[in-house]
PDB file of all heavy atoms in Angstrom:
ATOM      1  N   SER A   1      -3.782   8.300   1.567  1.00  0.00           N
ATOM      2  CA  SER A   1      -3.372   9.026   0.365  1.00  0.00           C
ATOM      3  C   SER A   1      -3.109   8.086  -0.804  1.00  0.00           C
ATOM      4  O   SER A   1      -3.227   8.486  -1.960  1.00  0.00           O
ATOM      5  CB  SER A   1      -2.139   9.892   0.651  1.00  0.00           C
ATOM      6  OG  SER A   1      -1.007   9.085   0.861  1.00  0.00           O
ATOM      7  N   LEU A   2      -2.768   6.832  -0.530  1.00  0.00           N
ATOM      8  CA  LEU A   2      -2.541   5.868  -1.597  1.00  0.00           C
ATOM      9  C   LEU A   2      -3.828   5.268  -2.128  1.00  0.00           C
ATOM     10  O   LEU A   2      -3.828   4.609  -3.161  1.00  0.00           O
ATOM     11  CB  LEU A   2      -1.641   4.729  -1.105  1.00  0.00           C
ATOM     12  CG  LEU A   2      -0.185   5.085  -0.905  1.00  0.00           C
ATOM     13  CD1 LEU A   2       0.552   3.912  -0.281  1.00  0.00           C
ATOM     14  CD2 LEU A   2       0.454   5.473  -2.218  1.00  0.00           C
ATOM     15  N   SER A   3      -4.928   5.492  -1.440  1.00  0.00           N
ATOM     16  CA  SER A   3      -6.173   4.853  -1.847  1.00  0.00           C
ATOM     17  C   SER A   3      -7.119   5.805  -2.572  1.00  0.00           C
ATOM     18  O   SER A   3      -8.320   5.652  -2.523  1.00  0.00           O
ATOM     19  CB  SER A   3      -6.864   4.244  -0.627  1.00  0.00           C
ATOM     20  OG  SER A   3      -7.204   5.253   0.294  1.00  0.00           O
ATOM     21  N   VAL A   4      -6.570   6.783  -3.265  1.00  0.00           N
ATOM     22  CA  VAL A   4      -7.380   7.683  -4.068  1.00  0.00           C
ATOM     23  C   VAL A   4      -8.130   6.849  -5.095  1.00  0.00           C
ATOM     24  O   VAL A   4      -7.542   6.014  -5.774  1.00  0.00           O
ATOM     25  CB  VAL A   4      -6.480   8.723  -4.783  1.00  0.00           C
ATOM     26  CG1 VAL A   4      -7.290   9.561  -5.746  1.00  0.00           C
ATOM     27  CG2 VAL A   4      -5.767   9.584  -3.769  1.00  0.00           C
ATOM     28  N   SER A   5      -9.441   7.038  -5.214  1.00  0.00           N
ATOM     29  CA  SER A   5     -10.211   6.200  -6.141  1.00  0.00           C
ATOM     30  C   SER A   5     -10.115   6.705  -7.573  1.00  0.00           C
ATOM     31  O   SER A   5     -10.085   5.925  -8.506  1.00  0.00           O
ATOM     32  CB  SER A   5     -11.661   6.108  -5.695  1.00  0.00           C
ATOM     33  OG  SER A   5     -12.249   7.381  -5.725  1.00  0.00           O
ATOM     34  N   SER A   6     -10.046   7.996  -7.767  1.00  0.00           N
ATOM     35  CA  SER A   6      -9.921   8.510  -9.119  1.00  0.00           C
ATOM     36  C   SER A   6      -9.524   9.977  -9.055  1.00  0.00           C
ATOM     37  O   SER A   6     -10.019  10.729  -8.217  1.00  0.00           O
ATOM     38  CB  SER A   6     -11.246   8.353  -9.862  1.00  0.00           C
ATOM     39  OG  SER A   6     -11.090   8.765 -11.194  1.00  0.00           O
ATOM     40  N   GLU A   7      -8.634  10.343  -9.950  1.00  0.00           N
ATOM     41  CA  GLU A   7      -8.158  11.714  -9.969  1.00  0.00           C
ATOM     42  C   GLU A   7      -7.745  12.012 -11.407  1.00  0.00           C
ATOM     43  O   GLU A   7      -7.125  11.175 -12.065  1.00  0.00           O
ATOM     44  CB  GLU A   7      -6.965  11.813  -9.021  1.00  0.00           C
ATOM     45  CG  GLU A   7      -6.429  13.182  -8.771  1.00  0.00           C
ATOM     46  CD  GLU A   7      -5.363  13.139  -7.694  1.00  0.00           C
ATOM     47  OE1 GLU A   7      -4.283  12.580  -7.958  1.00  0.00           O
ATOM     48  OE2 GLU A   7      -5.627  13.640  -6.605  1.00  0.00           O
ATOM     49  N   GLY A   8      -8.099  13.166 -11.916  1.00  0.00           N
ATOM     50  CA  GLY A   8      -7.740  13.446 -13.295  1.00  0.00           C
ATOM     51  C   GLY A   8      -7.523  14.912 -13.566  1.00  0.00           C
ATOM     52  O   GLY A   8      -8.022  15.779 -12.864  1.00  0.00           O
ATOM     53  N   TYR A   9      -6.754  15.148 -14.589  1.00  0.00           N
ATOM     54  CA  TYR A   9      -6.506  16.496 -15.072  1.00  0.00           C
ATOM     55  C   TYR A   9      -6.374  16.401 -16.580  1.00  0.00           C
ATOM     56  O   TYR A   9      -5.501  15.683 -17.086  1.00  0.00           O
ATOM     57  CB  TYR A   9      -5.236  17.077 -14.451  1.00  0.00           C
ATOM     58  CG  TYR A   9      -4.909  18.462 -14.942  1.00  0.00           C
ATOM     59  CD1 TYR A   9      -5.614  19.557 -14.480  1.00  0.00           C
ATOM     60  CD2 TYR A   9      -3.919  18.658 -15.895  1.00  0.00           C
ATOM     61  CE1 TYR A   9      -5.331  20.829 -14.941  1.00  0.00           C
ATOM     62  CE2 TYR A   9      -3.619  19.927 -16.361  1.00  0.00           C
ATOM     63  CZ  TYR A   9      -4.328  21.009 -15.884  1.00  0.00           C
ATOM     64  OH  TYR A   9      -4.070  22.260 -16.341  1.00  0.00           O
ATOM     65  N   SER A  10      -7.250  17.042 -17.283  1.00  0.00           N
ATOM     66  CA  SER A  10      -7.282  16.981 -18.737  1.00  0.00           C
ATOM     67  C   SER A  10      -7.396  15.521 -19.173  1.00  0.00           C
ATOM     68  O   SER A  10      -8.286  14.817 -18.742  1.00  0.00           O
ATOM     69  CB  SER A  10      -6.051  17.670 -19.320  1.00  0.00           C
ATOM     70  OG  SER A  10      -6.172  17.775 -20.729  1.00  0.00           O
ATOM     71  N   ALA A  11      -6.475  15.029 -19.978  1.00  0.00           N
ATOM     72  CA  ALA A  11      -6.548  13.641 -20.462  1.00  0.00           C
ATOM     73  C   ALA A  11      -5.859  12.656 -19.526  1.00  0.00           C
ATOM     74  O   ALA A  11      -5.968  11.448 -19.683  1.00  0.00           O
ATOM     75  CB  ALA A  11      -5.922  13.546 -21.850  1.00  0.00           C
ATOM     76  N   ALA A  12      -5.132  13.148 -18.541  1.00  0.00           N
ATOM     77  CA  ALA A  12      -4.422  12.260 -17.605  1.00  0.00           C
ATOM     78  C   ALA A  12      -5.344  11.864 -16.458  1.00  0.00           C
ATOM     79  O   ALA A  12      -6.090  12.684 -15.927  1.00  0.00           O
ATOM     80  CB  ALA A  12      -3.189  12.964 -17.060  1.00  0.00           C
ATOM     81  N   ARG A  13      -5.314  10.606 -16.071  1.00  0.00           N
ATOM     82  CA  ARG A  13      -6.162  10.120 -14.994  1.00  0.00           C
ATOM     83  C   ARG A  13      -5.397   9.118 -14.148  1.00  0.00           C
ATOM     84  O   ARG A  13      -4.656   8.304 -14.664  1.00  0.00           O
ATOM     85  CB  ARG A  13      -7.403   9.450 -15.577  1.00  0.00           C
ATOM     86  CG  ARG A  13      -8.365   9.005 -14.497  1.00  0.00           C
ATOM     87  CD  ARG A  13      -9.725   8.698 -14.999  1.00  0.00           C
ATOM     88  NE  ARG A  13     -10.842   9.595 -14.926  1.00  0.00           N
ATOM     89  CZ  ARG A  13     -11.001  10.753 -14.311  1.00  0.00           C
ATOM     90  NH1 ARG A  13     -10.039  11.295 -13.689  1.00  0.00           N
ATOM     91  NH2 ARG A  13     -12.124  11.396 -14.315  1.00  0.00           N
ATOM     92  N   THR A  14      -5.601   9.195 -12.835  1.00  0.00           N
ATOM     93  CA  THR A  14      -5.003   8.262 -11.897  1.00  0.00           C
ATOM     94  C   THR A  14      -6.117   7.625 -11.090  1.00  0.00           C
ATOM     95  O   THR A  14      -7.000   8.312 -10.582  1.00  0.00           O
ATOM     96  CB  THR A  14      -4.047   8.990 -10.923  1.00  0.00           C
ATOM     97  OG1 THR A  14      -3.073   9.692 -11.696  1.00  0.00           O
ATOM     98  CG2 THR A  14      -3.370   8.026  -9.995  1.00  0.00           C
ATOM     99  N   THR A  15      -6.073   6.301 -10.947  1.00  0.00           N
ATOM    100  CA  THR A  15      -7.071   5.586 -10.169  1.00  0.00           C
ATOM    101  C   THR A  15      -6.360   4.583  -9.273  1.00  0.00           C
ATOM    102  O   THR A  15      -5.455   3.877  -9.705  1.00  0.00           O
ATOM    103  CB  THR A  15      -8.048   4.824 -11.094  1.00  0.00           C
ATOM    104  OG1 THR A  15      -8.649   5.768 -11.978  1.00  0.00           O
ATOM    105  CG2 THR A  15      -9.114   4.118 -10.294  1.00  0.00           C
ATOM    106  N   TYR A  16      -6.746   4.539  -8.014  1.00  0.00           N
ATOM    107  CA  TYR A  16      -6.200   3.579  -7.060  1.00  0.00           C
ATOM    108  C   TYR A  16      -7.348   2.796  -6.446  1.00  0.00           C
ATOM    109  O   TYR A  16      -8.436   3.317  -6.279  1.00  0.00           O
ATOM    110  CB  TYR A  16      -5.432   4.281  -5.935  1.00  0.00           C
ATOM    111  CG  TYR A  16      -4.266   5.091  -6.410  1.00  0.00           C
ATOM    112  CD1 TYR A  16      -4.372   6.465  -6.585  1.00  0.00           C
ATOM    113  CD2 TYR A  16      -3.055   4.492  -6.702  1.00  0.00           C
ATOM    114  CE1 TYR A  16      -3.312   7.224  -7.028  1.00  0.00           C
ATOM    115  CE2 TYR A  16      -1.980   5.246  -7.148  1.00  0.00           C
ATOM    116  CZ  TYR A  16      -2.114   6.604  -7.306  1.00  0.00           C
ATOM    117  OH  TYR A  16      -1.054   7.336  -7.739  1.00  0.00           O
ATOM    118  N   ALA A  17      -7.101   1.576  -6.087  1.00  0.00           N
ATOM    119  CA  ALA A  17      -8.126   0.766  -5.420  1.00  0.00           C
ATOM    120  C   ALA A  17      -8.235   1.192  -3.968  1.00  0.00           C
ATOM    121  O   ALA A  17      -7.232   1.272  -3.262  1.00  0.00           O
ATOM    122  CB  ALA A  17      -7.754  -0.710  -5.506  1.00  0.00           C
ATOM    123  N   ARG A  18      -9.447   1.444  -3.518  1.00  0.00           N
ATOM    124  CA  ARG A  18      -9.652   1.885  -2.138  1.00  0.00           C
ATOM    125  C   ARG A  18      -9.372   0.788  -1.117  1.00  0.00           C
ATOM    126  O   ARG A  18      -9.049   1.072   0.017  1.00  0.00           O
ATOM    127  CB  ARG A  18     -11.078   2.386  -1.948  1.00  0.00           C
ATOM    128  CG  ARG A  18     -11.294   3.738  -2.540  1.00  0.00           C
ATOM    129  CD  ARG A  18     -12.212   4.536  -1.627  1.00  0.00           C
ATOM    130  NE  ARG A  18     -12.278   5.891  -2.082  1.00  0.00           N
ATOM    131  CZ  ARG A  18     -11.482   6.868  -1.625  1.00  0.00           C
ATOM    132  NH1 ARG A  18     -10.572   6.608  -0.738  1.00  0.00           N
ATOM    133  NH2 ARG A  18     -11.609   8.093  -2.066  1.00  0.00           N
ATOM    134  N   ASP A  19      -9.503  -0.465  -1.498  1.00  0.00           N
ATOM    135  CA  ASP A  19      -9.346  -1.543  -0.522  1.00  0.00           C
ATOM    136  C   ASP A  19      -7.958  -2.164  -0.517  1.00  0.00           C
ATOM    137  O   ASP A  19      -7.736  -3.161   0.144  1.00  0.00           O
ATOM    138  CB  ASP A  19     -10.399  -2.624  -0.757  1.00  0.00           C
ATOM    139  CG  ASP A  19     -10.252  -3.273  -2.123  1.00  0.00           C
ATOM    140  OD1 ASP A  19      -9.539  -2.722  -2.981  1.00  0.00           O
ATOM    141  OD2 ASP A  19     -10.865  -4.334  -2.320  1.00  0.00           O
ATOM    142  N   SER A  20      -7.034  -1.586  -1.263  1.00  0.00           N
ATOM    143  CA  SER A  20      -5.695  -2.164  -1.242  1.00  0.00           C
ATOM    144  C   SER A  20      -4.658  -1.089  -0.966  1.00  0.00           C
ATOM    145  O   SER A  20      -4.784   0.046  -1.390  1.00  0.00           O
ATOM    146  CB  SER A  20      -5.387  -2.861  -2.568  1.00  0.00           C
ATOM    147  OG  SER A  20      -5.285  -1.914  -3.598  1.00  0.00           O
ATOM    148  N   ALA A  21      -3.665  -1.470  -0.232  1.00  0.00           N
ATOM    149  CA  ALA A  21      -2.530  -0.616   0.096  1.00  0.00           C
ATOM    150  C   ALA A  21      -1.376  -1.559   0.379  1.00  0.00           C
ATOM    151  O   ALA A  21      -1.597  -2.749   0.600  1.00  0.00           O
ATOM    152  CB  ALA A  21      -2.845   0.249   1.317  1.00  0.00           C
ATOM    153  N   PRO A  22      -0.172  -1.066   0.367  1.00  0.00           N
ATOM    154  CA  PRO A  22       0.953  -1.946   0.687  1.00  0.00           C
ATOM    155  C   PRO A  22       0.719  -2.647   2.028  1.00  0.00           C
ATOM    156  O   PRO A  22       0.235  -2.030   2.982  1.00  0.00           O
ATOM    157  CB  PRO A  22       2.144  -0.991   0.764  1.00  0.00           C
ATOM    158  CG  PRO A  22       1.744   0.172  -0.089  1.00  0.00           C
ATOM    159  CD  PRO A  22       0.262   0.297   0.073  1.00  0.00           C
ATOM    160  N   GLU A  23       1.043  -3.943   2.071  1.00  0.00           N
ATOM    161  CA  GLU A  23       0.722  -4.702   3.282  1.00  0.00           C
ATOM    162  C   GLU A  23       1.473  -4.202   4.514  1.00  0.00           C
ATOM    163  O   GLU A  23       0.982  -4.344   5.621  1.00  0.00           O
ATOM    164  CB  GLU A  23       0.903  -6.206   3.072  1.00  0.00           C
ATOM    165  CG  GLU A  23       2.286  -6.693   2.864  1.00  0.00           C
ATOM    166  CD  GLU A  23       2.343  -8.198   2.622  1.00  0.00           C
ATOM    167  OE1 GLU A  23       1.429  -8.952   3.006  1.00  0.00           O
ATOM    168  OE2 GLU A  23       3.337  -8.631   2.032  1.00  0.00           O
ATOM    169  N   HIS A  24       2.632  -3.573   4.338  1.00  0.00           N
ATOM    170  CA  HIS A  24       3.320  -3.052   5.524  1.00  0.00           C
ATOM    171  C   HIS A  24       2.549  -1.892   6.145  1.00  0.00           C
ATOM    172  O   HIS A  24       2.531  -1.745   7.359  1.00  0.00           O
ATOM    173  CB  HIS A  24       4.779  -2.692   5.227  1.00  0.00           C
ATOM    174  CG  HIS A  24       4.990  -1.578   4.258  1.00  0.00           C
ATOM    175  ND1 HIS A  24       4.864  -1.732   2.900  1.00  0.00           N
ATOM    176  CD2 HIS A  24       5.327  -0.283   4.459  1.00  0.00           C
ATOM    177  CE1 HIS A  24       5.126  -0.587   2.295  1.00  0.00           C
ATOM    178  NE2 HIS A  24       5.406   0.308   3.224  1.00  0.00           N
ATOM    179  N   PHE A  25       1.885  -1.068   5.334  1.00  0.00           N
ATOM    180  CA  PHE A  25       1.036  -0.007   5.886  1.00  0.00           C
ATOM    181  C   PHE A  25      -0.132  -0.614   6.646  1.00  0.00           C
ATOM    182  O   PHE A  25      -0.475  -0.181   7.738  1.00  0.00           O
ATOM    183  CB  PHE A  25       0.491   0.904   4.794  1.00  0.00           C
ATOM    184  CG  PHE A  25       1.483   1.888   4.237  1.00  0.00           C
ATOM    185  CD1 PHE A  25       1.255   2.486   3.018  1.00  0.00           C
ATOM    186  CD2 PHE A  25       2.634   2.234   4.917  1.00  0.00           C
ATOM    187  CE1 PHE A  25       2.143   3.405   2.489  1.00  0.00           C
ATOM    188  CE2 PHE A  25       3.533   3.144   4.410  1.00  0.00           C
ATOM    189  CZ  PHE A  25       3.289   3.732   3.187  1.00  0.00           C
ATOM    190  N   ALA A  26      -0.763  -1.620   6.037  1.00  0.00           N
ATOM    191  CA  ALA A  26      -1.908  -2.267   6.681  1.00  0.00           C
ATOM    192  C   ALA A  26      -1.519  -2.885   8.006  1.00  0.00           C
ATOM    193  O   ALA A  26      -2.324  -2.956   8.935  1.00  0.00           O
ATOM    194  CB  ALA A  26      -2.505  -3.326   5.755  1.00  0.00           C
ATOM    195  N   ALA A  27      -0.263  -3.324   8.127  1.00  0.00           N
ATOM    196  CA  ALA A  27       0.220  -3.921   9.372  1.00  0.00           C
ATOM    197  C   ALA A  27       0.737  -2.874  10.358  1.00  0.00           C
ATOM    198  O   ALA A  27       1.153  -3.215  11.464  1.00  0.00           O
ATOM    199  CB  ALA A  27       1.329  -4.935   9.064  1.00  0.00           C
ATOM    200  N   GLY A  28       0.724  -1.600   9.970  1.00  0.00           N
ATOM    201  CA  GLY A  28       1.177  -0.535  10.870  1.00  0.00           C
ATOM    202  C   GLY A  28       2.678  -0.303  10.851  1.00  0.00           C
ATOM    203  O   GLY A  28       3.216   0.381  11.714  1.00  0.00           O
ATOM    204  N   ILE A  29       3.365  -0.861   9.862  1.00  0.00           N
ATOM    205  CA  ILE A  29       4.821  -0.705   9.751  1.00  0.00           C
ATOM    206  C   ILE A  29       5.105   0.335   8.661  1.00  0.00           C
ATOM    207  O   ILE A  29       4.811   0.098   7.486  1.00  0.00           O
ATOM    208  CB  ILE A  29       5.510  -2.054   9.410  1.00  0.00           C
ATOM    209  CG1 ILE A  29       5.181  -3.110  10.453  1.00  0.00           C
ATOM    210  CG2 ILE A  29       7.014  -1.877   9.244  1.00  0.00           C
ATOM    211  CD1 ILE A  29       5.677  -2.816  11.863  1.00  0.00           C
ATOM    212  N   PRO A  30       5.686   1.489   9.025  1.00  0.00           N
ATOM    213  CA  PRO A  30       5.845   2.576   8.060  1.00  0.00           C
ATOM    214  C   PRO A  30       7.051   2.465   7.132  1.00  0.00           C
ATOM    215  O   PRO A  30       7.339   3.393   6.403  1.00  0.00           O
ATOM    216  CB  PRO A  30       5.977   3.807   8.962  1.00  0.00           C
ATOM    217  CG  PRO A  30       6.605   3.283  10.195  1.00  0.00           C
ATOM    218  CD  PRO A  30       6.039   1.900  10.377  1.00  0.00           C
ATOM    219  N   SER A  31       7.749   1.353   7.158  1.00  0.00           N
ATOM    220  CA  SER A  31       8.944   1.193   6.340  1.00  0.00           C
ATOM    221  C   SER A  31       8.883  -0.114   5.548  1.00  0.00           C
ATOM    222  O   SER A  31       8.754  -1.194   6.130  1.00  0.00           O
ATOM    223  CB  SER A  31      10.184   1.191   7.243  1.00  0.00           C
ATOM    224  OG  SER A  31      11.302   0.674   6.565  1.00  0.00           O
ATOM    225  N   ALA A  32       9.006  -0.001   4.229  1.00  0.00           N
ATOM    226  CA  ALA A  32       9.012  -1.200   3.383  1.00  0.00           C
ATOM    227  C   ALA A  32      10.236  -2.063   3.672  1.00  0.00           C
ATOM    228  O   ALA A  32      10.162  -3.291   3.658  1.00  0.00           O
ATOM    229  CB  ALA A  32       8.973  -0.808   1.914  1.00  0.00           C
ATOM    230  N   LEU A  33      11.379  -1.442   3.956  1.00  0.00           N
ATOM    231  CA  LEU A  33      12.584  -2.204   4.268  1.00  0.00           C
ATOM    232  C   LEU A  33      12.418  -2.964   5.585  1.00  0.00           C
ATOM    233  O   LEU A  33      12.781  -4.140   5.682  1.00  0.00           O
ATOM    234  CB  LEU A  33      13.806  -1.277   4.334  1.00  0.00           C
ATOM    235  CG  LEU A  33      15.145  -1.939   4.640  1.00  0.00           C
ATOM    236  CD1 LEU A  33      15.455  -3.048   3.632  1.00  0.00           C
ATOM    237  CD2 LEU A  33      16.254  -0.888   4.643  1.00  0.00           C
ATOM    238  N   ALA A  34      11.841  -2.333   6.584  1.00  0.00           N
ATOM    239  CA  ALA A  34      11.583  -3.020   7.853  1.00  0.00           C
ATOM    240  C   ALA A  34      10.663  -4.214   7.623  1.00  0.00           C
ATOM    241  O   ALA A  34      10.864  -5.289   8.178  1.00  0.00           O
ATOM    242  CB  ALA A  34      10.976  -2.063   8.872  1.00  0.00           C
ATOM    243  N   TRP A  35       9.643  -4.026   6.791  1.00  0.00           N
ATOM    244  CA  TRP A  35       8.712  -5.111   6.486  1.00  0.00           C
ATOM    245  C   TRP A  35       9.448  -6.274   5.829  1.00  0.00           C
ATOM    246  O   TRP A  35       9.188  -7.434   6.121  1.00  0.00           O
ATOM    247  CB  TRP A  35       7.586  -4.596   5.601  1.00  0.00           C
ATOM    248  CG  TRP A  35       6.521  -5.603   5.349  1.00  0.00           C
ATOM    249  CD1 TRP A  35       6.248  -6.231   4.177  1.00  0.00           C
ATOM    250  CD2 TRP A  35       5.583  -6.122   6.300  1.00  0.00           C
ATOM    251  NE1 TRP A  35       5.198  -7.099   4.333  1.00  0.00           N
ATOM    252  CE2 TRP A  35       4.768  -7.060   5.633  1.00  0.00           C
ATOM    253  CE3 TRP A  35       5.355  -5.887   7.655  1.00  0.00           C
ATOM    254  CZ2 TRP A  35       3.746  -7.750   6.260  1.00  0.00           C
ATOM    255  CZ3 TRP A  35       4.332  -6.577   8.283  1.00  0.00           C
ATOM    256  CH2 TRP A  35       3.545  -7.499   7.590  1.00  0.00           C
ATOM    257  N   LYS A  36      10.382  -5.948   4.951  1.00  0.00           N
ATOM    258  CA  LYS A  36      11.184  -6.985   4.283  1.00  0.00           C
ATOM    259  C   LYS A  36      11.973  -7.795   5.315  1.00  0.00           C
ATOM    260  O   LYS A  36      12.112  -9.005   5.188  1.00  0.00           O
ATOM    261  CB  LYS A  36      12.128  -6.325   3.282  1.00  0.00           C
ATOM    262  CG  LYS A  36      12.958  -7.279   2.485  1.00  0.00           C
ATOM    263  CD  LYS A  36      13.843  -6.525   1.509  1.00  0.00           C
ATOM    264  CE  LYS A  36      14.789  -7.463   0.802  1.00  0.00           C
ATOM    265  NZ  LYS A  36      15.702  -6.749  -0.100  1.00  0.00           N
ATOM    266  N   TYR A  37      12.485  -7.138   6.339  1.00  0.00           N
ATOM    267  CA  TYR A  37      13.204  -7.832   7.413  1.00  0.00           C
ATOM    268  C   TYR A  37      12.268  -8.704   8.260  1.00  0.00           C
ATOM    269  O   TYR A  37      12.633  -9.792   8.691  1.00  0.00           O
ATOM    270  CB  TYR A  37      13.902  -6.844   8.345  1.00  0.00           C
ATOM    271  CG  TYR A  37      15.040  -6.061   7.741  1.00  0.00           C
ATOM    272  CD1 TYR A  37      15.273  -4.745   8.130  1.00  0.00           C
ATOM    273  CD2 TYR A  37      15.900  -6.617   6.806  1.00  0.00           C
ATOM    274  CE1 TYR A  37      16.323  -4.013   7.601  1.00  0.00           C
ATOM    275  CE2 TYR A  37      16.950  -5.893   6.270  1.00  0.00           C
ATOM    276  CZ  TYR A  37      17.155  -4.587   6.678  1.00  0.00           C
ATOM    277  OH  TYR A  37      18.202  -3.872   6.153  1.00  0.00           O
ATOM    278  N   LEU A  38      11.067  -8.207   8.528  1.00  0.00           N
ATOM    279  CA  LEU A  38      10.149  -8.865   9.465  1.00  0.00           C
ATOM    280  C   LEU A  38       9.303  -9.968   8.853  1.00  0.00           C
ATOM    281  O   LEU A  38       8.981 -10.952   9.522  1.00  0.00           O
ATOM    282  CB  LEU A  38       9.218  -7.821  10.094  1.00  0.00           C
ATOM    283  CG  LEU A  38       9.893  -6.787  10.981  1.00  0.00           C
ATOM    284  CD1 LEU A  38       8.924  -5.654  11.302  1.00  0.00           C
ATOM    285  CD2 LEU A  38      10.429  -7.420  12.243  1.00  0.00           C
ATOM    286  N   LYS A  39       8.927  -9.821   7.611  1.00  0.00           N
ATOM    287  CA  LYS A  39       7.972 -10.742   7.004  1.00  0.00           C
ATOM    288  C   LYS A  39       8.380 -12.213   7.107  1.00  0.00           C
ATOM    289  O   LYS A  39       7.532 -13.063   7.408  1.00  0.00           O
ATOM    290  CB  LYS A  39       7.703 -10.347   5.556  1.00  0.00           C
ATOM    291  CG  LYS A  39       6.510 -11.083   4.991  1.00  0.00           C
ATOM    292  CD  LYS A  39       6.061 -10.511   3.681  1.00  0.00           C
ATOM    293  CE  LYS A  39       4.875 -11.330   3.190  1.00  0.00           C
ATOM    294  NZ  LYS A  39       4.343 -10.844   1.959  1.00  0.00           N
ATOM    295  N   PRO A  40       9.658 -12.589   6.908  1.00  0.00           N
ATOM    296  CA  PRO A  40      10.026 -14.008   7.041  1.00  0.00           C
ATOM    297  C   PRO A  40       9.833 -14.572   8.453  1.00  0.00           C
ATOM    298  O   PRO A  40       9.804 -15.781   8.637  1.00  0.00           O
ATOM    299  CB  PRO A  40      11.500 -14.042   6.644  1.00  0.00           C
ATOM    300  CG  PRO A  40      11.727 -12.809   5.856  1.00  0.00           C
ATOM    301  CD  PRO A  40      10.779 -11.789   6.412  1.00  0.00           C
ATOM    302  N   LEU A  41       9.706 -13.712   9.445  1.00  0.00           N
ATOM    303  CA  LEU A  41       9.547 -14.152  10.831  1.00  0.00           C
ATOM    304  C   LEU A  41       8.083 -14.341  11.228  1.00  0.00           C
ATOM    305  O   LEU A  41       7.799 -14.871  12.304  1.00  0.00           O
ATOM    306  CB  LEU A  41      10.184 -13.135  11.785  1.00  0.00           C
ATOM    307  CG  LEU A  41      11.662 -12.845  11.566  1.00  0.00           C
ATOM    308  CD1 LEU A  41      12.114 -11.709  12.461  1.00  0.00           C
ATOM    309  CD2 LEU A  41      12.493 -14.082  11.787  1.00  0.00           C
ATOM    310  N   LEU A  42       7.179 -13.899  10.373  1.00  0.00           N
ATOM    311  CA  LEU A  42       5.761 -13.964  10.704  1.00  0.00           C
ATOM    312  C   LEU A  42       5.223 -15.376  10.556  1.00  0.00           C
ATOM    313  O   LEU A  42       5.754 -16.180   9.799  1.00  0.00           O
ATOM    314  CB  LEU A  42       4.970 -13.007   9.815  1.00  0.00           C
ATOM    315  CG  LEU A  42       5.333 -11.530   9.953  1.00  0.00           C
ATOM    316  CD1 LEU A  42       4.524 -10.703   8.968  1.00  0.00           C
ATOM    317  CD2 LEU A  42       5.141 -11.042  11.371  1.00  0.00           C
ATOM    318  N   GLY A  43       4.139 -15.638  11.271  1.00  0.00           N
ATOM    319  CA  GLY A  43       3.459 -16.919  11.142  1.00  0.00           C
ATOM    320  C   GLY A  43       2.913 -17.072   9.737  1.00  0.00           C
ATOM    321  O   GLY A  43       2.954 -16.140   8.931  1.00  0.00           O
ATOM    322  N   ASN A  44       2.381 -18.202   9.443  1.00  0.00           N
ATOM    323  CA  ASN A  44       1.856 -18.483   8.111  1.00  0.00           C
ATOM    324  C   ASN A  44       0.695 -17.545   7.806  1.00  0.00           C
ATOM    325  O   ASN A  44      -0.349 -17.619   8.432  1.00  0.00           O
ATOM    326  CB  ASN A  44       1.403 -19.941   8.017  1.00  0.00           C
ATOM    327  CG  ASN A  44       0.976 -20.302   6.626  1.00  0.00           C
ATOM    328  OD1 ASN A  44       0.971 -19.491   5.720  1.00  0.00           O
ATOM    329  ND2 ASN A  44       0.633 -21.563   6.439  1.00  0.00           N
ATOM    330  N   THR A  45       0.908 -16.649   6.835  1.00  0.00           N
ATOM    331  CA  THR A  45      -0.140 -15.703   6.458  1.00  0.00           C
ATOM    332  C   THR A  45      -0.703 -16.015   5.086  1.00  0.00           C
ATOM    333  O   THR A  45      -1.405 -15.207   4.502  1.00  0.00           O
ATOM    334  CB  THR A  45       0.403 -14.252   6.454  1.00  0.00           C
ATOM    335  OG1 THR A  45       1.517 -14.189   5.546  1.00  0.00           O
ATOM    336  CG2 THR A  45       0.815 -13.822   7.834  1.00  0.00           C
TER     337      THR A  45
END
């Protein structure tokens, strides 16, 4: 749902990049706060 490429209504338009999403989603972690706790423990990324 965050990777909508383009959406518009009248003069308003929303565009999202299809290949990018928050890195916690990409890692399978559904909480940004949890990701904040875990990220310092990860190997060199």
